[in-house]
Amino acid sequence: MNATRANIVVDVREELSGQSGDALVNVLRGVQGVSRAWVSRRVRRLVLVDFDPKRTDTRTVLDSVVRRGFDARLIGM
């Protein structure tokens, strides 16, 4: 059975260091329904997230980033 997939881009409005980017990605990977999360290699303030919209939503993903202390917004789907 294939899960439904959606993609979003989160702008954290500041460049992520390797350490802060890794920590944020680990938090996002722990969100139920998120299948993949990674920091863009080209623009280190963008976080790309693949998720199953039947198990989570964009607000939950964004809230997870904000709770880590980042000023963030969704910029793409």
Protein backbone atom coordinates (compact mmCIF):
# COMPACT_ATOMS: atom_id res chain seq x y z
CA MET A 1 0.00 0.00 0.00
CA ASN A 2 1.45 3.38 -1.02
CA ALA A 3 1.10 6.27 1.39
CA THR A 4 -0.06 9.64 0.16
CA ARG A 5 2.81 12.12 -0.07
CA ALA A 6 2.96 15.89 0.12
CA ASN A 7 5.96 18.22 0.12
CA ILE A 8 6.52 21.58 1.76
CA VAL A 9 9.34 24.08 2.06
CA VAL A 10 9.89 25.83 5.38
CA ASP A 11 11.88 29.09 5.44
CA VAL A 12 13.53 29.42 8.86
CA ARG A 13 14.62 32.99 7.99
CA GLU A 14 18.21 32.43 9.09
CA GLU A 15 20.99 30.27 7.75
CA LEU A 16 21.24 26.97 9.58
CA SER A 17 24.60 25.73 10.80
CA GLY A 18 25.36 22.05 10.37
CA GLN A 19 24.55 21.38 14.01
CA SER A 20 21.31 23.38 14.18
CA GLY A 21 20.18 22.00 10.82
CA ASP A 22 20.81 18.42 11.93
CA ALA A 23 18.95 19.00 15.19
CA LEU A 24 15.97 20.50 13.39
CA VAL A 25 15.86 17.69 10.84
CA ASN A 26 15.90 15.12 13.66
CA VAL A 27 12.95 16.87 15.32
CA LEU A 28 10.99 16.89 12.06
CA ARG A 29 11.74 13.24 11.37
CA GLY A 30 10.16 12.49 14.74
CA VAL A 31 6.84 14.07 13.73
CA GLN A 32 4.30 11.36 13.01
CA GLY A 33 3.66 11.24 9.26
CA VAL A 34 6.93 12.90 8.20
CA SER A 35 8.83 10.53 5.95
CA ARG A 36 11.78 12.76 5.08
CA ALA A 37 13.24 16.13 6.06
CA TRP A 38 16.46 17.81 4.99
CA VAL A 39 18.13 21.20 4.79
CA SER A 40 18.69 22.49 1.27
CA ARG A 41 22.35 22.33 0.23
CA ARG A 42 21.98 25.48 -1.87
CA VAL A 43 20.04 27.68 0.56
CA ARG A 44 20.85 26.67 4.14
CA ARG A 45 17.76 28.35 5.59
CA LEU A 46 15.27 26.23 3.66
CA VAL A 47 14.04 22.94 5.06
CA LEU A 48 12.28 20.53 2.72
CA VAL A 49 9.79 18.10 4.22
CA ASP A 50 7.95 15.11 2.73
CA PHE A 51 4.94 13.92 4.70
CA ASP A 52 1.70 11.98 4.59
CA PRO A 53 -1.18 14.50 4.85
CA LYS A 54 -3.44 11.75 6.22
CA ARG A 55 -1.17 11.50 9.28
CA THR A 56 -0.05 15.11 9.84
CA ASP A 57 -0.50 18.58 8.39
CA THR A 58 1.54 21.64 7.48
CA ARG A 59 0.63 23.44 10.70
CA THR A 60 2.06 20.62 12.80
CA VAL A 61 5.29 20.66 10.79
CA LEU A 62 5.62 24.45 11.06
CA ASP A 63 4.80 24.41 14.78
CA SER A 64 7.58 21.86 15.32
CA VAL A 65 10.08 24.28 13.76
CA VAL A 66 8.81 27.29 15.71
CA ARG A 67 8.95 25.37 19.01
CA ARG A 68 12.70 24.91 18.35
CA GLY A 69 13.02 28.71 18.51
CA PHE A 70 13.15 29.53 14.82
CA ASP A 71 11.24 32.35 13.11
CA ALA A 72 9.74 30.31 10.30
CA ARG A 73 7.06 30.30 7.64
CA LEU A 74 5.85 28.00 4.89
CA ILE A 75 6.86 29.17 1.45
CA GLY A 76 5.92 26.29 -0.79
CA MET A 77 4.05 23.08 -1.26
